[in-house]
Amino acid sequence: MPRTPLGLEARNLVQGYHGRPVLDGLTLEAGGGVLGLLGPNGAGKTTLLKTLATTLPPRSGDLRILGRDISDRQALRAVRRRLGYLPQEFGYFPSFTVYDFVRYCAWLREVPTSDIHAAVTTAIERVRLTDVRHRKLKHLSGGMLQRCGIAQAIVADPDLIIFDEPTVGLDPQQRLEFRDLLRDIGQRAAVIFSTHLIEDIAAAADTVVVLTAGTVLYTGTPDELSQLAAPCSRGDTAIERGYMELLTRGLTC
């Protein structure tokens, strides 16, 4: 059976809360590979990711995920089987073990019973939690809990995986390992992740999207973003200076 097409397409997306607009006519496309999402606080990154992950229905606009229009309920259910999502703060049952939690999330995604044990075991191995797979979540460190969240997002190899600030709580070595994982996953799936850590974007993203005030300000490669830097741009690396120049263009020199 052929797999669902990769990626997503959002056109004129509008989203908000209590009458307050957050996304204002946003248009975005993502194919295979890794897309890194940058933007200042309040830019709408988390709202966008919640919408793309189908936890918030769009107020208006068109959204196709993995080749399907999610306004159709049957299509939405099919998409959710092939979509992995790690929000900034994910809910969990403290008395569940690592294995139980990842298995439960795989069950929610309707992974076939015959495949579920192997899929869960593989996901746990990929985030290096095999040694603590039977430990209860309430006894995990912050970094371990975050890796458990990553495991549930990647279990059974979804076609689209969305991470919201995935490296929060990870130590430097774990962040390096996560970048390796992103690059590996991006070879066969579409990955979207948001972060404030620009070095993660530089190391792992194929495409960078910068969001401001609910709209897309910039789309390009990490190298192209670096090339936007001006001699007086603030930052410690080329890509950081390019990003700051983009946000403050005309105000720094």
C-alpha atoms as a PDB file:
ATOM      1  CA  MET A   1       0.000   0.000   0.000  1.00  0.00           C
ATOM      2  CA  PRO A   2       1.566   3.362  -1.034  1.00  0.00           C
ATOM      3  CA  ARG A   3       2.340   5.873   1.700  1.00  0.00           C
ATOM      4  CA  THR A   4       0.563   9.209   1.852  1.00  0.00           C
ATOM      5  CA  PRO A   5       2.333  12.123   0.048  1.00  0.00           C
ATOM      6  CA  LEU A   6       4.710  14.086   2.230  1.00  0.00           C
ATOM      7  CA  GLY A   7       4.322  17.608   3.477  1.00  0.00           C
ATOM      8  CA  LEU A   8       1.677  20.257   3.849  1.00  0.00           C
ATOM      9  CA  GLU A   9       0.224  23.278   2.125  1.00  0.00           C
ATOM     10  CA  ALA A  10      -1.417  26.170   3.972  1.00  0.00           C
ATOM     11  CA  ARG A  11      -3.079  29.003   2.063  1.00  0.00           C
ATOM     12  CA  ASN A  12      -4.379  32.241   3.607  1.00  0.00           C
ATOM     13  CA  LEU A  13      -4.486  30.625   7.032  1.00  0.00           C
ATOM     14  CA  VAL A  14      -6.240  32.628   9.753  1.00  0.00           C
ATOM     15  CA  GLN A  15      -6.124  31.576  13.403  1.00  0.00           C
ATOM     16  CA  GLY A  16      -6.712  33.291  16.715  1.00  0.00           C
ATOM     17  CA  TYR A  17      -8.181  33.207  20.207  1.00  0.00           C
ATOM     18  CA  HIS A  18     -11.247  35.005  21.585  1.00  0.00           C
ATOM     19  CA  GLY A  19     -11.499  37.223  18.544  1.00  0.00           C
ATOM     20  CA  ARG A  20      -7.807  38.150  18.618  1.00  0.00           C
ATOM     21  CA  PRO A  21      -6.011  37.220  15.379  1.00  0.00           C
ATOM     22  CA  VAL A  22      -2.675  35.411  15.719  1.00  0.00           C
ATOM     23  CA  LEU A  23      -2.127  34.087  12.208  1.00  0.00           C
ATOM     24  CA  ASP A  24      -3.180  36.565   9.563  1.00  0.00           C
ATOM     25  CA  GLY A  25      -3.472  35.136   6.060  1.00  0.00           C
ATOM     26  CA  LEU A  26      -0.394  32.934   6.431  1.00  0.00           C
ATOM     27  CA  THR A  27       0.776  30.870   3.465  1.00  0.00           C
ATOM     28  CA  LEU A  28       3.316  28.083   3.900  1.00  0.00           C
ATOM     29  CA  GLU A  29       4.466  24.981   2.039  1.00  0.00           C
ATOM     30  CA  ALA A  30       6.639  22.150   3.349  1.00  0.00           C
ATOM     31  CA  GLY A  31       7.817  19.058   1.514  1.00  0.00           C
ATOM     32  CA  GLY A  32      10.251  16.419   2.654  1.00  0.00           C
ATOM     33  CA  GLY A  33      13.270  17.356   4.723  1.00  0.00           C
ATOM     34  CA  VAL A  34      13.622  19.513   7.821  1.00  0.00           C
ATOM     35  CA  LEU A  35      11.983  22.943   8.118  1.00  0.00           C
ATOM     36  CA  GLY A  36      13.142  25.100  11.017  1.00  0.00           C
ATOM     37  CA  LEU A  37      10.763  27.770  12.311  1.00  0.00           C
ATOM     38  CA  LEU A  38      12.173  30.928  13.911  1.00  0.00           C
ATOM     39  CA  GLY A  39      10.536  34.050  15.245  1.00  0.00           C
ATOM     40  CA  PRO A  40      10.371  36.306  18.288  1.00  0.00           C
ATOM     41  CA  ASN A  41       8.055  35.574  21.204  1.00  0.00           C
ATOM     42  CA  GLY A  42       4.472  36.270  20.194  1.00  0.00           C
ATOM     43  CA  ALA A  43       5.115  35.724  16.497  1.00  0.00           C
ATOM     44  CA  GLY A  44       2.570  32.889  16.333  1.00  0.00           C
ATOM     45  CA  LYS A  45       4.906  29.876  16.109  1.00  0.00           C
ATOM     46  CA  THR A  46       3.115  27.698  18.653  1.00  0.00           C
ATOM     47  CA  THR A  47      -0.312  28.631  17.284  1.00  0.00           C
ATOM     48  CA  LEU A  48       0.866  27.730  13.792  1.00  0.00           C
ATOM     49  CA  LEU A  49       2.227  24.370  14.916  1.00  0.00           C
ATOM     50  CA  LYS A  50      -0.960  23.538  16.832  1.00  0.00           C
ATOM     51  CA  THR A  51      -2.933  24.302  13.687  1.00  0.00           C
ATOM     52  CA  LEU A  52      -0.658  22.226  11.462  1.00  0.00           C
ATOM     53  CA  ALA A  53      -0.840  19.389  14.001  1.00  0.00           C
ATOM     54  CA  THR A  54      -4.667  19.533  13.709  1.00  0.00           C
ATOM     55  CA  THR A  55      -5.232  20.283  17.405  1.00  0.00           C
ATOM     56  CA  LEU A  56      -6.685  23.692  16.447  1.00  0.00           C
ATOM     57  CA  PRO A  57      -9.005  23.907  13.409  1.00  0.00           C
ATOM     58  CA  PRO A  58      -8.234  26.933  11.213  1.00  0.00           C
ATOM     59  CA  ARG A  59     -10.584  29.895  11.511  1.00  0.00           C
ATOM     60  CA  SER A  60     -10.371  30.259   7.746  1.00  0.00           C
ATOM     61  CA  GLY A  61      -8.089  29.419   4.851  1.00  0.00           C
ATOM     62  CA  ASP A  62      -7.099  26.145   3.224  1.00  0.00           C
ATOM     63  CA  LEU A  63      -4.944  23.495   4.877  1.00  0.00           C
ATOM     64  CA  ARG A  64      -3.848  20.303   3.160  1.00  0.00           C
ATOM     65  CA  ILE A  65      -1.691  17.866   5.092  1.00  0.00           C
ATOM     66  CA  LEU A  66      -0.087  14.824   3.476  1.00  0.00           C
ATOM     67  CA  GLY A  67      -2.089  15.514   0.344  1.00  0.00           C
ATOM     68  CA  ARG A  68      -5.470  15.650   2.104  1.00  0.00           C
ATOM     69  CA  ASP A  69      -7.912  18.446   2.887  1.00  0.00           C
ATOM     70  CA  ILE A  70      -8.333  18.195   6.664  1.00  0.00           C
ATOM     71  CA  SER A  71     -11.747  19.862   6.575  1.00  0.00           C
ATOM     72  CA  ASP A  72     -12.992  16.387   5.667  1.00  0.00           C
ATOM     73  CA  ARG A  73     -13.415  14.303   8.844  1.00  0.00           C
ATOM     74  CA  GLN A  74     -12.390  11.033   7.206  1.00  0.00           C
ATOM     75  CA  ALA A  75      -9.288  12.644   5.722  1.00  0.00           C
ATOM     76  CA  LEU A  76      -8.456  14.216   9.094  1.00  0.00           C
ATOM     77  CA  ARG A  77      -8.484  10.814  10.803  1.00  0.00           C
ATOM     78  CA  ALA A  78      -6.236   9.359   8.097  1.00  0.00           C
ATOM     79  CA  VAL A  79      -3.806  12.276   8.458  1.00  0.00           C
ATOM     80  CA  ARG A  80      -3.594  11.882  12.226  1.00  0.00           C
ATOM     81  CA  ARG A  81      -2.460   8.264  11.786  1.00  0.00           C
ATOM     82  CA  ARG A  82       0.576   9.515   9.863  1.00  0.00           C
ATOM     83  CA  LEU A  83       1.374  12.633  11.912  1.00  0.00           C
ATOM     84  CA  GLY A  84       3.625  12.860  14.970  1.00  0.00           C
ATOM     85  CA  TYR A  85       3.507  15.897  17.261  1.00  0.00           C
ATOM     86  CA  LEU A  86       5.447  17.075  20.306  1.00  0.00           C
ATOM     87  CA  PRO A  87       3.939  20.239  21.848  1.00  0.00           C
ATOM     88  CA  GLN A  88       5.903  22.511  24.176  1.00  0.00           C
ATOM     89  CA  GLU A  89       4.231  20.890  27.159  1.00  0.00           C
ATOM     90  CA  PHE A  90       2.756  17.445  26.658  1.00  0.00           C
ATOM     91  CA  GLY A  91       0.350  15.682  28.966  1.00  0.00           C
ATOM     92  CA  TYR A  92       1.158  12.283  30.399  1.00  0.00           C
ATOM     93  CA  PHE A  93       0.164   9.853  33.129  1.00  0.00           C
ATOM     94  CA  PRO A  94       2.893   9.975  35.812  1.00  0.00           C
ATOM     95  CA  SER A  95       2.386   6.311  36.727  1.00  0.00           C
ATOM     96  CA  PHE A  96       2.985   5.139  33.137  1.00  0.00           C
ATOM     97  CA  THR A  97       6.395   3.752  32.290  1.00  0.00           C
ATOM     98  CA  VAL A  98       8.311   5.056  29.281  1.00  0.00           C
ATOM     99  CA  TYR A  99       7.267   1.960  27.340  1.00  0.00           C
ATOM    100  CA  ASP A 100       3.607   2.241  28.402  1.00  0.00           C
ATOM    101  CA  PHE A 101       3.423   5.902  27.403  1.00  0.00           C
ATOM    102  CA  VAL A 102       4.973   5.486  23.965  1.00  0.00           C
ATOM    103  CA  ARG A 103       2.824   2.395  23.360  1.00  0.00           C
ATOM    104  CA  TYR A 104      -0.300   4.302  24.386  1.00  0.00           C
ATOM    105  CA  CYS A 105       0.534   7.117  21.948  1.00  0.00           C
ATOM    106  CA  ALA A 106       1.141   4.550  19.196  1.00  0.00           C
ATOM    107  CA  TRP A 107      -2.263   3.024  19.966  1.00  0.00           C
ATOM    108  CA  LEU A 108      -3.893   6.453  19.708  1.00  0.00           C
ATOM    109  CA  ARG A 109      -2.309   6.782  16.273  1.00  0.00           C
ATOM    110  CA  GLU A 110      -3.865   3.424  15.362  1.00  0.00           C
ATOM    111  CA  VAL A 111      -0.587   1.605  14.778  1.00  0.00           C
ATOM    112  CA  PRO A 112      -1.522  -2.042  14.013  1.00  0.00           C
ATOM    113  CA  THR A 113      -1.329  -4.329  17.043  1.00  0.00           C
ATOM    114  CA  SER A 114       1.060  -6.654  15.236  1.00  0.00           C
ATOM    115  CA  ASP A 115       3.529  -3.788  14.671  1.00  0.00           C
ATOM    116  CA  ILE A 116       3.200  -1.851  17.891  1.00  0.00           C
ATOM    117  CA  HIS A 117       5.819  -3.546  20.101  1.00  0.00           C
ATOM    118  CA  ALA A 118       8.575  -3.302  17.479  1.00  0.00           C
ATOM    119  CA  ALA A 119       7.648   0.315  16.690  1.00  0.00           C
ATOM    120  CA  VAL A 120       7.691   1.328  20.355  1.00  0.00           C
ATOM    121  CA  THR A 121      10.979  -0.457  21.038  1.00  0.00           C
ATOM    122  CA  THR A 122      12.623   1.218  18.045  1.00  0.00           C
ATOM    123  CA  ALA A 123      11.405   4.693  19.010  1.00  0.00           C
ATOM    124  CA  ILE A 124      12.698   4.293  22.560  1.00  0.00           C
ATOM    125  CA  GLU A 125      16.065   3.076  21.270  1.00  0.00           C
ATOM    126  CA  ARG A 126      16.372   6.068  18.943  1.00  0.00           C
ATOM    127  CA  VAL A 127      16.135   8.512  21.854  1.00  0.00           C
ATOM    128  CA  ARG A 128      18.447   6.391  24.026  1.00  0.00           C
ATOM    129  CA  LEU A 129      15.935   5.508  26.725  1.00  0.00           C
ATOM    130  CA  THR A 130      16.134   1.726  26.464  1.00  0.00           C
ATOM    131  CA  ASP A 131      17.777   1.390  29.877  1.00  0.00           C
ATOM    132  CA  VAL A 132      14.897   3.230  31.563  1.00  0.00           C
ATOM    133  CA  ARG A 133      12.014   1.935  29.428  1.00  0.00           C
ATOM    134  CA  HIS A 134      10.334   0.398  32.502  1.00  0.00           C
ATOM    135  CA  ARG A 135      10.825   3.457  34.708  1.00  0.00           C
ATOM    136  CA  LYS A 136       7.734   5.498  35.577  1.00  0.00           C
ATOM    137  CA  LEU A 137       7.509   8.929  34.011  1.00  0.00           C
ATOM    138  CA  LYS A 138       7.213  10.621  37.397  1.00  0.00           C
ATOM    139  CA  HIS A 139      10.722   9.412  38.193  1.00  0.00           C
ATOM    140  CA  LEU A 140      12.373  10.738  35.013  1.00  0.00           C
ATOM    141  CA  SER A 141      14.634  13.770  34.815  1.00  0.00           C
ATOM    142  CA  GLY A 142      13.495  16.704  32.695  1.00  0.00           C
ATOM    143  CA  GLY A 143      15.785  15.686  29.834  1.00  0.00           C
ATOM    144  CA  MET A 144      14.592  12.074  29.921  1.00  0.00           C
ATOM    145  CA  LEU A 145      10.962  13.190  29.928  1.00  0.00           C
ATOM    146  CA  GLN A 146      11.595  15.391  26.904  1.00  0.00           C
ATOM    147  CA  ARG A 147      13.218  12.479  25.065  1.00  0.00           C
ATOM    148  CA  CYS A 148      10.200  10.343  25.935  1.00  0.00           C
ATOM    149  CA  GLY A 149       8.054  13.020  24.294  1.00  0.00           C
ATOM    150  CA  ILE A 150      10.243  12.858  21.206  1.00  0.00           C
ATOM    151  CA  ALA A 151       9.882   9.058  21.164  1.00  0.00           C
ATOM    152  CA  GLN A 152       6.084   9.238  21.092  1.00  0.00           C
ATOM    153  CA  ALA A 153       6.250  11.737  18.224  1.00  0.00           C
ATOM    154  CA  ILE A 154       8.442   9.513  16.040  1.00  0.00           C
ATOM    155  CA  VAL A 155       6.969   6.098  16.887  1.00  0.00           C
ATOM    156  CA  ALA A 156       6.020   4.106  13.756  1.00  0.00           C
ATOM    157  CA  ASP A 157       7.791   6.562  11.426  1.00  0.00           C
ATOM    158  CA  PRO A 158       5.086   9.165  10.656  1.00  0.00           C
ATOM    159  CA  ASP A 159       5.183  10.987   7.318  1.00  0.00           C
ATOM    160  CA  LEU A 160       4.998  14.395   9.007  1.00  0.00           C
ATOM    161  CA  ILE A 161       6.504  15.180  12.413  1.00  0.00           C
ATOM    162  CA  ILE A 162       6.025  18.490  14.214  1.00  0.00           C
ATOM    163  CA  PHE A 163       8.187  19.519  17.176  1.00  0.00           C
ATOM    164  CA  ASP A 164       7.584  22.659  19.257  1.00  0.00           C
ATOM    165  CA  GLU A 165      10.795  23.636  21.104  1.00  0.00           C
ATOM    166  CA  PRO A 166      12.021  20.021  21.199  1.00  0.00           C
ATOM    167  CA  THR A 167      15.474  20.671  22.695  1.00  0.00           C
ATOM    168  CA  VAL A 168      14.204  22.374  25.854  1.00  0.00           C
ATOM    169  CA  GLY A 169      15.654  20.454  28.805  1.00  0.00           C
ATOM    170  CA  LEU A 170      18.229  18.576  26.745  1.00  0.00           C
ATOM    171  CA  ASP A 171      21.906  18.848  27.656  1.00  0.00           C
ATOM    172  CA  PRO A 172      24.491  19.700  24.953  1.00  0.00           C
ATOM    173  CA  GLN A 173      25.208  16.058  24.099  1.00  0.00           C
ATOM    174  CA  GLN A 174      21.503  15.241  23.859  1.00  0.00           C
ATOM    175  CA  ARG A 175      20.966  18.260  21.603  1.00  0.00           C
ATOM    176  CA  LEU A 176      23.687  16.988  19.271  1.00  0.00           C
ATOM    177  CA  GLU A 177      22.031  13.573  19.220  1.00  0.00           C
ATOM    178  CA  PHE A 178      18.658  15.179  18.500  1.00  0.00           C
ATOM    179  CA  ARG A 179      20.130  17.069  15.545  1.00  0.00           C
ATOM    180  CA  ASP A 180      21.406  13.752  14.171  1.00  0.00           C
ATOM    181  CA  LEU A 181      17.930  12.313  14.627  1.00  0.00           C
ATOM    182  CA  LEU A 182      16.344  15.269  12.796  1.00  0.00           C
ATOM    183  CA  ARG A 183      18.688  14.845   9.846  1.00  0.00           C
ATOM    184  CA  ASP A 184      17.975  11.109   9.732  1.00  0.00           C
ATOM    185  CA  ILE A 185      14.188  11.514   9.899  1.00  0.00           C
ATOM    186  CA  GLY A 186      14.271  14.284   7.308  1.00  0.00           C
ATOM    187  CA  GLN A 187      15.622  11.878   4.698  1.00  0.00           C
ATOM    188  CA  ARG A 188      12.258  10.084   4.503  1.00  0.00           C
ATOM    189  CA  ALA A 189       9.676  12.375   6.113  1.00  0.00           C
ATOM    190  CA  ALA A 190       8.674  15.997   6.448  1.00  0.00           C
ATOM    191  CA  VAL A 191       9.815  17.537   9.732  1.00  0.00           C
ATOM    192  CA  ILE A 192       8.870  20.943  11.132  1.00  0.00           C
ATOM    193  CA  PHE A 193      10.417  22.201  14.341  1.00  0.00           C
ATOM    194  CA  SER A 194      10.399  25.536  16.122  1.00  0.00           C
ATOM    195  CA  THR A 195      13.199  26.775  18.323  1.00  0.00           C
ATOM    196  CA  HIS A 196      14.882  29.874  19.722  1.00  0.00           C
ATOM    197  CA  LEU A 197      18.272  28.128  19.389  1.00  0.00           C
ATOM    198  CA  ILE A 198      19.537  29.314  16.034  1.00  0.00           C
ATOM    199  CA  GLU A 199      22.490  26.897  16.096  1.00  0.00           C
ATOM    200  CA  ASP A 200      19.985  24.010  15.943  1.00  0.00           C
ATOM    201  CA  ILE A 201      18.520  25.562  12.794  1.00  0.00           C
ATOM    202  CA  ALA A 202      21.988  25.995  11.263  1.00  0.00           C
ATOM    203  CA  ALA A 203      22.941  22.388  12.007  1.00  0.00           C
ATOM    204  CA  ALA A 204      19.774  20.496  11.111  1.00  0.00           C
ATOM    205  CA  ALA A 205      17.367  22.516   8.931  1.00  0.00           C
ATOM    206  CA  ASP A 206      17.180  22.336   5.140  1.00  0.00           C
ATOM    207  CA  THR A 207      14.784  25.290   5.056  1.00  0.00           C
ATOM    208  CA  VAL A 208      14.274  28.195   7.464  1.00  0.00           C
ATOM    209  CA  VAL A 209      11.007  30.065   7.881  1.00  0.00           C
ATOM    210  CA  VAL A 210      10.944  33.234   9.983  1.00  0.00           C
ATOM    211  CA  LEU A 211       7.574  34.209  11.392  1.00  0.00           C
ATOM    212  CA  THR A 212       6.646  37.672  12.674  1.00  0.00           C
ATOM    213  CA  ALA A 213       3.225  38.987  13.699  1.00  0.00           C
ATOM    214  CA  GLY A 214       1.486  35.899  12.341  1.00  0.00           C
ATOM    215  CA  THR A 215       2.895  36.079   8.817  1.00  0.00           C
ATOM    216  CA  VAL A 216       5.903  34.609   7.031  1.00  0.00           C
ATOM    217  CA  LEU A 217       8.696  37.186   6.840  1.00  0.00           C
ATOM    218  CA  TYR A 218      11.353  34.990   5.269  1.00  0.00           C
ATOM    219  CA  THR A 219      11.836  31.580   3.649  1.00  0.00           C
ATOM    220  CA  GLY A 220      15.249  30.288   2.567  1.00  0.00           C
ATOM    221  CA  THR A 221      18.171  28.075   3.492  1.00  0.00           C
ATOM    222  CA  PRO A 222      20.326  28.573   6.592  1.00  0.00           C
ATOM    223  CA  ASP A 223      23.190  29.740   4.344  1.00  0.00           C
ATOM    224  CA  GLU A 224      20.937  32.288   2.652  1.00  0.00           C
ATOM    225  CA  LEU A 225      19.833  33.603   6.033  1.00  0.00           C
ATOM    226  CA  SER A 226      23.489  33.970   7.060  1.00  0.00           C
ATOM    227  CA  GLN A 227      24.173  36.026   3.956  1.00  0.00           C
ATOM    228  CA  LEU A 228      21.677  38.685   5.076  1.00  0.00           C
ATOM    229  CA  ALA A 229      24.052  39.809   7.834  1.00  0.00           C
ATOM    230  CA  ALA A 230      25.297  43.380   7.642  1.00  0.00           C
ATOM    231  CA  PRO A 231      28.682  44.499   9.052  1.00  0.00           C
ATOM    232  CA  CYS A 232      26.994  46.018  12.097  1.00  0.00           C
ATOM    233  CA  SER A 233      24.435  43.243  12.693  1.00  0.00           C
ATOM    234  CA  ARG A 234      24.365  41.874  16.224  1.00  0.00           C
ATOM    235  CA  GLY A 235      25.128  38.213  16.910  1.00  0.00           C
ATOM    236  CA  ASP A 236      27.953  35.756  17.518  1.00  0.00           C
ATOM    237  CA  THR A 237      27.542  33.657  14.356  1.00  0.00           C
ATOM    238  CA  ALA A 238      26.767  34.468  10.734  1.00  0.00           C
ATOM    239  CA  ILE A 239      23.268  32.975  10.873  1.00  0.00           C
ATOM    240  CA  GLU A 240      22.502  34.792  14.135  1.00  0.00           C
ATOM    241  CA  ARG A 241      23.602  38.087  12.592  1.00  0.00           C
ATOM    242  CA  GLY A 242      21.518  37.379   9.474  1.00  0.00           C
ATOM    243  CA  TYR A 243      18.468  36.630  11.600  1.00  0.00           C
ATOM    244  CA  MET A 244      18.882  39.783  13.674  1.00  0.00           C
ATOM    245  CA  GLU A 245      19.382  41.860  10.541  1.00  0.00           C
ATOM    246  CA  LEU A 246      16.158  40.440   9.141  1.00  0.00           C
ATOM    247  CA  LEU A 247      14.210  41.342  12.281  1.00  0.00           C
ATOM    248  CA  THR A 248      15.719  44.819  12.667  1.00  0.00           C
ATOM    249  CA  ARG A 249      16.483  45.719   9.062  1.00  0.00           C
ATOM    250  CA  GLY A 250      17.259  49.385   8.674  1.00  0.00           C
ATOM    251  CA  LEU A 251      17.495  49.960  12.431  1.00  0.00           C
ATOM    252  CA  THR A 252      20.994  48.704  13.280  1.00  0.00           C
ATOM    253  CA  CYS A 253      23.340  50.645  11.010  1.00  0.00           C
END
